[in-house]
Amino acid sequence: MKKTLTLGLATLTLTSAMAAMADGGASRAEIDEMLKKAQEYGFSNFDEFSVDDGNEFEVEGWNADGSRLDVDLSMSDGSVLREQQRQSEIPDWSLSGDEVTQALDAAQKAGVEHLAGLDVDRMGSIEIEGYDAQFQELELRMNRETFEVLNVQHDD
């Protein structure tokens, strides 16, 4: 009976981990590669990105001339799946590529190992969603100016 319970718990843990990955978590290396592809596409500033169904990288931001970009890239090869562009101006609260890297570094230090998304708002707050090493959901809030982690929520 003990072996059955152990096997059942192992199966449940593996199933939870697989569900978490299917929800959109990606490794830091995969996110870095997709951000590189987004910058090659023309992104200079970001306000949001997310991994959708584990196979699409959805990214929003601006290019250097201020045009608003909304692009979906394939996680497998970085190809453009969907793109939108409209005239706009880059807001001060958006994140440059280097600032996104700083935010992701802070999230990683706070325990996020698989990233699902990043969102920055006009009020100077950055929200990062992802999973820890055990594929438990984490949601972090950090200060836009200092990248200090202000709050960590563990979702069950």
N, C-alpha and C. Protein backbone atom coordinates (compact mmCIF):
# COMPACT_ATOMS: atom_id res chain seq x y z
N MET A 1 0.83 -1.19 0.00
CA MET A 1 0.00 0.00 0.00
C MET A 1 0.87 1.25 0.00
N LYS A 2 1.99 1.23 0.74
CA LYS A 2 2.88 2.37 0.80
C LYS A 2 3.48 2.66 -0.58
N LYS A 3 3.85 1.61 -1.33
CA LYS A 3 4.39 1.80 -2.67
C LYS A 3 3.37 2.43 -3.59
N THR A 4 2.11 2.02 -3.46
CA THR A 4 1.05 2.59 -4.30
C THR A 4 0.88 4.07 -4.00
N LEU A 5 0.91 4.45 -2.71
CA LEU A 5 0.78 5.84 -2.32
C LEU A 5 1.96 6.65 -2.85
N THR A 6 3.19 6.13 -2.72
CA THR A 6 4.38 6.81 -3.21
C THR A 6 4.31 7.00 -4.71
N LEU A 7 3.94 5.95 -5.43
CA LEU A 7 3.82 6.03 -6.88
C LEU A 7 2.73 7.04 -7.26
N GLY A 8 1.63 7.02 -6.53
CA GLY A 8 0.56 7.97 -6.80
C GLY A 8 1.00 9.41 -6.59
N LEU A 9 1.76 9.68 -5.53
CA LEU A 9 2.27 11.02 -5.28
C LEU A 9 3.28 11.44 -6.34
N ALA A 10 4.13 10.52 -6.75
CA ALA A 10 5.10 10.82 -7.80
C ALA A 10 4.39 11.15 -9.11
N THR A 11 3.35 10.39 -9.42
CA THR A 11 2.57 10.65 -10.63
C THR A 11 1.89 12.00 -10.55
N LEU A 12 1.32 12.32 -9.40
CA LEU A 12 0.67 13.60 -9.21
C LEU A 12 1.66 14.75 -9.36
N THR A 13 2.85 14.59 -8.77
CA THR A 13 3.88 15.63 -8.87
C THR A 13 4.30 15.82 -10.32
N LEU A 14 4.54 14.73 -11.04
CA LEU A 14 4.93 14.82 -12.44
C LEU A 14 3.82 15.44 -13.27
N THR A 15 2.58 15.06 -13.01
CA THR A 15 1.44 15.63 -13.74
C THR A 15 1.35 17.12 -13.48
N SER A 16 1.54 17.55 -12.24
CA SER A 16 1.50 18.98 -11.90
C SER A 16 2.62 19.73 -12.63
N ALA A 17 3.80 19.12 -12.66
CA ALA A 17 4.92 19.76 -13.34
C ALA A 17 4.65 19.89 -14.84
N MET A 18 4.11 18.85 -15.44
CA MET A 18 3.78 18.89 -16.87
C MET A 18 2.71 19.95 -17.14
N ALA A 19 1.73 20.06 -16.28
CA ALA A 19 0.68 21.07 -16.45
C ALA A 19 1.27 22.46 -16.33
N ALA A 20 2.19 22.64 -15.41
CA ALA A 20 2.82 23.95 -15.24
C ALA A 20 3.59 24.33 -16.50
N MET A 21 4.32 23.37 -17.07
CA MET A 21 5.06 23.66 -18.29
C MET A 21 4.12 23.95 -19.45
N ALA A 22 3.02 23.25 -19.53
CA ALA A 22 2.05 23.48 -20.60
C ALA A 22 1.39 24.83 -20.45
N ASP A 23 1.30 25.33 -19.20
CA ASP A 23 0.71 26.64 -18.96
C ASP A 23 1.58 27.76 -19.51
N GLY A 24 2.81 27.49 -19.84
CA GLY A 24 3.61 28.51 -20.47
C GLY A 24 4.95 28.81 -19.85
N GLY A 25 5.37 28.10 -18.84
CA GLY A 25 6.67 28.38 -18.27
C GLY A 25 7.78 28.05 -19.24
N ALA A 26 8.82 28.86 -19.23
CA ALA A 26 10.00 28.62 -20.07
C ALA A 26 11.24 28.90 -19.24
N SER A 27 12.33 28.26 -19.57
CA SER A 27 13.57 28.48 -18.84
C SER A 27 14.10 29.88 -19.12
N ARG A 28 15.00 30.33 -18.27
CA ARG A 28 15.62 31.64 -18.47
C ARG A 28 16.36 31.69 -19.80
N ALA A 29 17.04 30.61 -20.16
CA ALA A 29 17.76 30.57 -21.44
C ALA A 29 16.80 30.73 -22.61
N GLU A 30 15.64 30.07 -22.54
CA GLU A 30 14.65 30.19 -23.62
C GLU A 30 14.10 31.62 -23.69
N ILE A 31 13.83 32.22 -22.53
CA ILE A 31 13.33 33.61 -22.50
C ILE A 31 14.39 34.55 -23.06
N ASP A 32 15.64 34.38 -22.65
CA ASP A 32 16.72 35.23 -23.17
C ASP A 32 16.82 35.12 -24.69
N GLU A 33 16.69 33.90 -25.22
CA GLU A 33 16.74 33.70 -26.67
C GLU A 33 15.57 34.40 -27.37
N MET A 34 14.38 34.32 -26.77
CA MET A 34 13.21 34.96 -27.38
C MET A 34 13.31 36.49 -27.30
N LEU A 35 13.86 37.01 -26.21
CA LEU A 35 14.07 38.46 -26.10
C LEU A 35 15.09 38.92 -27.14
N LYS A 36 16.10 38.10 -27.39
CA LYS A 36 17.08 38.41 -28.44
C LYS A 36 16.39 38.47 -29.81
N LYS A 37 15.51 37.49 -30.07
CA LYS A 37 14.76 37.48 -31.34
C LYS A 37 13.86 38.72 -31.43
N ALA A 38 13.25 39.11 -30.32
CA ALA A 38 12.39 40.30 -30.31
C ALA A 38 13.22 41.55 -30.61
N GLN A 39 14.41 41.64 -30.05
CA GLN A 39 15.27 42.79 -30.33
C GLN A 39 15.74 42.78 -31.78
N GLU A 40 16.02 41.60 -32.33
CA GLU A 40 16.37 41.50 -33.75
C GLU A 40 15.20 41.95 -34.62
N TYR A 41 13.98 41.66 -34.17
CA TYR A 41 12.78 42.10 -34.89
C TYR A 41 12.69 43.62 -34.90
N GLY A 42 13.16 44.27 -33.83
CA GLY A 42 13.12 45.72 -33.77
C GLY A 42 12.70 46.31 -32.43
N PHE A 43 12.38 45.47 -31.46
CA PHE A 43 12.00 45.98 -30.14
C PHE A 43 13.19 46.67 -29.47
N SER A 44 12.95 47.87 -28.95
CA SER A 44 13.96 48.56 -28.14
C SER A 44 13.48 48.70 -26.70
N ASN A 45 12.17 48.75 -26.50
CA ASN A 45 11.58 48.87 -25.16
C ASN A 45 10.42 47.89 -25.04
N PHE A 46 10.19 47.43 -23.81
CA PHE A 46 9.18 46.41 -23.57
C PHE A 46 8.22 46.85 -22.46
N ASP A 47 6.99 46.36 -22.54
CA ASP A 47 6.09 46.52 -21.40
C ASP A 47 5.45 45.20 -21.01
N GLU A 48 5.52 44.20 -21.88
CA GLU A 48 4.91 42.93 -21.52
C GLU A 48 5.42 41.81 -22.43
N PHE A 49 5.61 40.64 -21.83
CA PHE A 49 5.81 39.43 -22.62
C PHE A 49 5.24 38.26 -21.85
N SER A 50 4.89 37.20 -22.60
CA SER A 50 4.40 35.99 -21.96
C SER A 50 4.63 34.81 -22.89
N VAL A 51 4.67 33.63 -22.27
CA VAL A 51 4.77 32.39 -23.01
C VAL A 51 3.37 31.79 -23.02
N ASP A 52 2.86 31.50 -24.21
CA ASP A 52 1.50 30.99 -24.35
C ASP A 52 1.54 29.55 -24.84
N ASP A 53 0.96 28.65 -24.06
CA ASP A 53 0.87 27.23 -24.40
C ASP A 53 2.24 26.59 -24.67
N GLY A 54 3.29 27.20 -24.16
CA GLY A 54 4.62 26.63 -24.31
C GLY A 54 5.22 26.73 -25.69
N ASN A 55 4.48 27.30 -26.66
CA ASN A 55 5.03 27.35 -28.01
C ASN A 55 4.97 28.72 -28.68
N GLU A 56 4.40 29.72 -27.99
CA GLU A 56 4.36 31.07 -28.54
C GLU A 56 4.89 32.06 -27.52
N PHE A 57 5.69 33.00 -27.99
CA PHE A 57 6.20 34.08 -27.17
C PHE A 57 5.49 35.35 -27.63
N GLU A 58 4.64 35.86 -26.78
CA GLU A 58 3.88 37.07 -27.09
C GLU A 58 4.59 38.25 -26.45
N VAL A 59 4.94 39.24 -27.24
CA VAL A 59 5.71 40.38 -26.73
C VAL A 59 5.11 41.70 -27.22
N GLU A 60 5.06 42.68 -26.30
CA GLU A 60 4.55 44.00 -26.61
C GLU A 60 5.56 45.05 -26.17
N GLY A 61 5.68 46.10 -26.95
CA GLY A 61 6.60 47.19 -26.62
C GLY A 61 6.70 48.17 -27.76
N TRP A 62 7.90 48.75 -27.96
CA TRP A 62 8.10 49.78 -28.95
C TRP A 62 9.42 49.57 -29.67
N ASN A 63 9.49 50.07 -30.91
CA ASN A 63 10.79 50.08 -31.59
C ASN A 63 11.43 51.45 -31.37
N ALA A 64 12.63 51.63 -31.87
CA ALA A 64 13.40 52.85 -31.59
C ALA A 64 12.72 54.12 -32.07
N ASP A 65 11.90 54.05 -33.14
CA ASP A 65 11.24 55.27 -33.62
C ASP A 65 9.92 55.55 -32.88
N GLY A 66 9.58 54.70 -31.90
CA GLY A 66 8.39 54.93 -31.09
C GLY A 66 7.16 54.17 -31.53
N SER A 67 7.24 53.40 -32.59
CA SER A 67 6.08 52.63 -33.02
C SER A 67 5.77 51.54 -32.01
N ARG A 68 4.48 51.38 -31.72
CA ARG A 68 4.01 50.35 -30.78
C ARG A 68 4.00 49.01 -31.51
N LEU A 69 4.62 47.99 -30.91
CA LEU A 69 4.71 46.66 -31.52
C LEU A 69 3.98 45.64 -30.65
N ASP A 70 3.30 44.72 -31.31
CA ASP A 70 2.62 43.59 -30.66
C ASP A 70 2.87 42.39 -31.56
N VAL A 71 3.76 41.48 -31.11
CA VAL A 71 4.24 40.42 -31.98
C VAL A 71 4.20 39.08 -31.25
N ASP A 72 3.80 38.03 -31.97
CA ASP A 72 3.87 36.66 -31.47
C ASP A 72 4.96 35.94 -32.26
N LEU A 73 5.90 35.33 -31.52
CA LEU A 73 7.00 34.60 -32.13
C LEU A 73 6.89 33.12 -31.77
N SER A 74 7.33 32.26 -32.66
CA SER A 74 7.37 30.83 -32.39
C SER A 74 8.52 30.55 -31.42
N MET A 75 8.22 29.81 -30.34
CA MET A 75 9.27 29.44 -29.38
C MET A 75 10.27 28.47 -29.99
N SER A 76 9.87 27.73 -31.02
CA SER A 76 10.76 26.73 -31.59
C SER A 76 11.85 27.34 -32.48
N ASP A 77 11.50 28.38 -33.24
CA ASP A 77 12.50 28.93 -34.16
C ASP A 77 12.54 30.46 -34.22
N GLY A 78 11.70 31.12 -33.43
CA GLY A 78 11.71 32.59 -33.41
C GLY A 78 11.01 33.24 -34.58
N SER A 79 10.37 32.45 -35.44
CA SER A 79 9.69 33.04 -36.59
C SER A 79 8.47 33.84 -36.14
N VAL A 80 8.11 34.84 -36.93
CA VAL A 80 6.97 35.71 -36.62
C VAL A 80 5.68 34.99 -36.98
N LEU A 81 4.80 34.84 -36.00
CA LEU A 81 3.49 34.21 -36.21
C LEU A 81 2.40 35.25 -36.43
N ARG A 82 2.55 36.40 -35.77
CA ARG A 82 1.57 37.49 -35.89
C ARG A 82 2.29 38.78 -35.53
N GLU A 83 1.92 39.86 -36.22
CA GLU A 83 2.55 41.14 -35.91
C GLU A 83 1.57 42.29 -36.12
N GLN A 84 1.67 43.27 -35.24
CA GLN A 84 0.90 44.51 -35.35
C GLN A 84 1.84 45.66 -35.04
N GLN A 85 1.63 46.77 -35.71
CA GLN A 85 2.46 47.94 -35.48
C GLN A 85 1.59 49.18 -35.67
N ARG A 86 1.76 50.16 -34.77
CA ARG A 86 1.04 51.42 -34.92
C ARG A 86 1.90 52.55 -34.36
N GLN A 87 1.68 53.75 -34.84
CA GLN A 87 2.42 54.92 -34.37
C GLN A 87 2.16 55.17 -32.91
N SER A 88 3.20 55.53 -32.20
CA SER A 88 3.10 55.77 -30.77
C SER A 88 4.38 56.48 -30.33
N GLU A 89 4.55 56.63 -29.04
CA GLU A 89 5.78 57.14 -28.46
C GLU A 89 6.19 56.21 -27.33
N ILE A 90 7.50 56.08 -27.12
CA ILE A 90 8.00 55.21 -26.06
C ILE A 90 7.79 55.90 -24.71
N PRO A 91 7.02 55.30 -23.82
CA PRO A 91 6.81 55.92 -22.51
C PRO A 91 8.02 55.72 -21.59
N ASP A 92 8.19 56.63 -20.65
CA ASP A 92 9.31 56.56 -19.71
C ASP A 92 9.28 55.31 -18.85
N TRP A 93 8.10 54.78 -18.59
CA TRP A 93 7.97 53.63 -17.69
C TRP A 93 8.28 52.29 -18.35
N SER A 94 8.44 52.26 -19.67
CA SER A 94 8.75 51.00 -20.35
C SER A 94 10.16 50.55 -19.96
N LEU A 95 10.46 49.29 -20.22
CA LEU A 95 11.77 48.72 -19.88
C LEU A 95 12.62 48.52 -21.13
N SER A 96 13.86 48.94 -21.06
CA SER A 96 14.80 48.64 -22.14
C SER A 96 15.19 47.17 -22.04
N GLY A 97 15.88 46.67 -23.03
CA GLY A 97 16.34 45.28 -22.99
C GLY A 97 17.22 45.00 -21.78
N ASP A 98 18.12 45.94 -21.45
CA ASP A 98 18.99 45.77 -20.28
C ASP A 98 18.17 45.76 -18.99
N GLU A 99 17.13 46.59 -18.92
CA GLU A 99 16.29 46.62 -17.72
C GLU A 99 15.47 45.34 -17.58
N VAL A 100 15.03 44.77 -18.70
CA VAL A 100 14.33 43.48 -18.64
C VAL A 100 15.28 42.43 -18.07
N THR A 101 16.52 42.44 -18.50
CA THR A 101 17.52 41.50 -17.99
C THR A 101 17.71 41.67 -16.49
N GLN A 102 17.77 42.92 -16.00
CA GLN A 102 17.91 43.17 -14.57
C GLN A 102 16.71 42.64 -13.80
N ALA A 103 15.50 42.84 -14.34
CA ALA A 103 14.29 42.34 -13.69
C ALA A 103 14.29 40.81 -13.64
N LEU A 104 14.69 40.17 -14.74
CA LEU A 104 14.73 38.71 -14.77
C LEU A 104 15.80 38.16 -13.84
N ASP A 105 16.93 38.87 -13.73
CA ASP A 105 17.98 38.45 -12.77
C ASP A 105 17.44 38.49 -11.35
N ALA A 106 16.72 39.57 -11.00
CA ALA A 106 16.14 39.70 -9.65
C ALA A 106 15.11 38.61 -9.40
N ALA A 107 14.30 38.29 -10.40
CA ALA A 107 13.29 37.23 -10.27
C ALA A 107 13.96 35.88 -10.06
N GLN A 108 15.03 35.65 -10.79
CA GLN A 108 15.74 34.38 -10.65
C GLN A 108 16.33 34.25 -9.25
N LYS A 109 16.88 35.33 -8.71
CA LYS A 109 17.43 35.32 -7.35
C LYS A 109 16.32 35.08 -6.32
N ALA A 110 15.08 35.48 -6.65
CA ALA A 110 13.94 35.29 -5.75
C ALA A 110 13.32 33.90 -5.88
N GLY A 111 13.87 33.06 -6.78
CA GLY A 111 13.41 31.68 -6.87
C GLY A 111 12.64 31.31 -8.12
N VAL A 112 12.46 32.24 -9.06
CA VAL A 112 11.76 31.91 -10.30
C VAL A 112 12.73 31.20 -11.24
N GLU A 113 12.40 29.95 -11.59
CA GLU A 113 13.25 29.19 -12.49
C GLU A 113 12.66 29.03 -13.88
N HIS A 114 11.34 29.04 -13.97
CA HIS A 114 10.65 28.94 -15.26
C HIS A 114 9.73 30.14 -15.36
N LEU A 115 9.95 30.94 -16.39
CA LEU A 115 9.22 32.20 -16.53
C LEU A 115 7.99 32.03 -17.40
N ALA A 116 6.90 32.67 -16.99
CA ALA A 116 5.67 32.64 -17.76
C ALA A 116 5.36 34.01 -18.35
N GLY A 117 5.75 35.09 -17.66
CA GLY A 117 5.46 36.40 -18.20
C GLY A 117 6.00 37.54 -17.36
N LEU A 118 6.07 38.70 -17.98
CA LEU A 118 6.50 39.94 -17.34
C LEU A 118 5.55 41.03 -17.79
N ASP A 119 5.20 41.91 -16.86
CA ASP A 119 4.31 43.03 -17.18
C ASP A 119 4.77 44.22 -16.36
N VAL A 120 4.95 45.36 -16.99
CA VAL A 120 5.30 46.60 -16.29
C VAL A 120 4.15 47.58 -16.49
N ASP A 121 3.82 48.34 -15.45
CA ASP A 121 2.70 49.28 -15.59
C ASP A 121 3.18 50.72 -15.43
N ARG A 122 2.29 51.63 -15.71
CA ARG A 122 2.59 53.07 -15.67
C ARG A 122 2.97 53.57 -14.28
N MET A 123 2.61 52.81 -13.25
CA MET A 123 2.87 53.23 -11.87
C MET A 123 4.27 52.81 -11.40
N GLY A 124 5.03 52.16 -12.22
CA GLY A 124 6.38 51.77 -11.86
C GLY A 124 6.49 50.43 -11.18
N SER A 125 5.53 49.57 -11.41
CA SER A 125 5.54 48.25 -10.81
C SER A 125 5.77 47.20 -11.90
N ILE A 126 6.64 46.26 -11.59
CA ILE A 126 6.90 45.14 -12.50
C ILE A 126 6.31 43.89 -11.87
N GLU A 127 5.59 43.12 -12.66
CA GLU A 127 5.05 41.85 -12.19
C GLU A 127 5.65 40.74 -13.04
N ILE A 128 6.20 39.74 -12.38
CA ILE A 128 6.75 38.59 -13.08
C ILE A 128 6.06 37.35 -12.57
N GLU A 129 5.57 36.53 -13.49
CA GLU A 129 4.93 35.27 -13.14
C GLU A 129 5.80 34.13 -13.64
N GLY A 130 5.84 33.08 -12.83
CA GLY A 130 6.62 31.92 -13.23
C GLY A 130 6.46 30.79 -12.23
N TYR A 131 7.45 29.92 -12.23
CA TYR A 131 7.41 28.72 -11.40
C TYR A 131 8.77 28.52 -10.73
N ASP A 132 8.74 27.96 -9.51
CA ASP A 132 9.99 27.63 -8.83
C ASP A 132 10.48 26.26 -9.30
N ALA A 133 11.51 25.73 -8.66
CA ALA A 133 12.10 24.46 -9.07
C ALA A 133 11.12 23.29 -8.95
N GLN A 134 10.13 23.41 -8.07
CA GLN A 134 9.13 22.36 -7.88
C GLN A 134 7.87 22.62 -8.73
N PHE A 135 7.95 23.57 -9.64
CA PHE A 135 6.85 23.97 -10.53
C PHE A 135 5.63 24.47 -9.76
N GLN A 136 5.89 25.14 -8.63
CA GLN A 136 4.82 25.84 -7.93
C GLN A 136 4.82 27.27 -8.45
N GLU A 137 3.61 27.79 -8.68
CA GLU A 137 3.49 29.13 -9.26
C GLU A 137 3.99 30.19 -8.30
N LEU A 138 4.68 31.16 -8.87
CA LEU A 138 5.17 32.33 -8.14
C LEU A 138 4.73 33.58 -8.88
N GLU A 139 4.41 34.61 -8.13
CA GLU A 139 4.12 35.91 -8.71
C GLU A 139 4.91 36.94 -7.92
N LEU A 140 5.78 37.67 -8.58
CA LEU A 140 6.62 38.66 -7.93
C LEU A 140 6.22 40.06 -8.36
N ARG A 141 6.31 40.98 -7.44
CA ARG A 141 6.17 42.40 -7.74
C ARG A 141 7.49 43.05 -7.37
N MET A 142 7.97 43.92 -8.26
CA MET A 142 9.22 44.60 -7.95
C MET A 142 9.15 46.06 -8.36
N ASN A 143 10.01 46.84 -7.77
CA ASN A 143 10.11 48.27 -8.05
C ASN A 143 10.76 48.49 -9.40
N ARG A 144 10.19 49.33 -10.21
CA ARG A 144 10.66 49.61 -11.57
C ARG A 144 12.04 50.27 -11.58
N GLU A 145 12.32 51.10 -10.59
CA GLU A 145 13.57 51.85 -10.58
C GLU A 145 14.74 51.06 -10.01
N THR A 146 14.48 50.24 -8.98
CA THR A 146 15.56 49.56 -8.27
C THR A 146 15.62 48.06 -8.54
N PHE A 147 14.55 47.50 -9.11
CA PHE A 147 14.40 46.06 -9.34
C PHE A 147 14.41 45.27 -8.03
N GLU A 148 14.08 45.96 -6.94
CA GLU A 148 13.94 45.30 -5.65
C GLU A 148 12.63 44.52 -5.64
N VAL A 149 12.70 43.26 -5.21
CA VAL A 149 11.49 42.44 -5.09
C VAL A 149 10.73 42.90 -3.87
N LEU A 150 9.49 43.37 -4.09
CA LEU A 150 8.67 43.91 -3.00
C LEU A 150 7.72 42.88 -2.41
N ASN A 151 7.31 41.90 -3.22
CA ASN A 151 6.32 40.93 -2.77
C ASN A 151 6.47 39.65 -3.60
N VAL A 152 6.38 38.51 -2.91
CA VAL A 152 6.38 37.22 -3.59
C VAL A 152 5.15 36.46 -3.12
N GLN A 153 4.32 36.05 -4.07
CA GLN A 153 3.16 35.25 -3.76
C GLN A 153 3.38 33.84 -4.31
N HIS A 154 3.11 32.86 -3.46
CA HIS A 154 3.18 31.46 -3.88
C HIS A 154 1.74 31.01 -4.09
N ASP A 155 1.40 30.68 -5.33
CA ASP A 155 0.05 30.18 -5.63
C ASP A 155 0.06 28.67 -5.57
N ASP A 156 -0.98 28.12 -4.98
CA ASP A 156 -1.08 26.65 -4.90
C ASP A 156 -1.95 26.11 -5.98
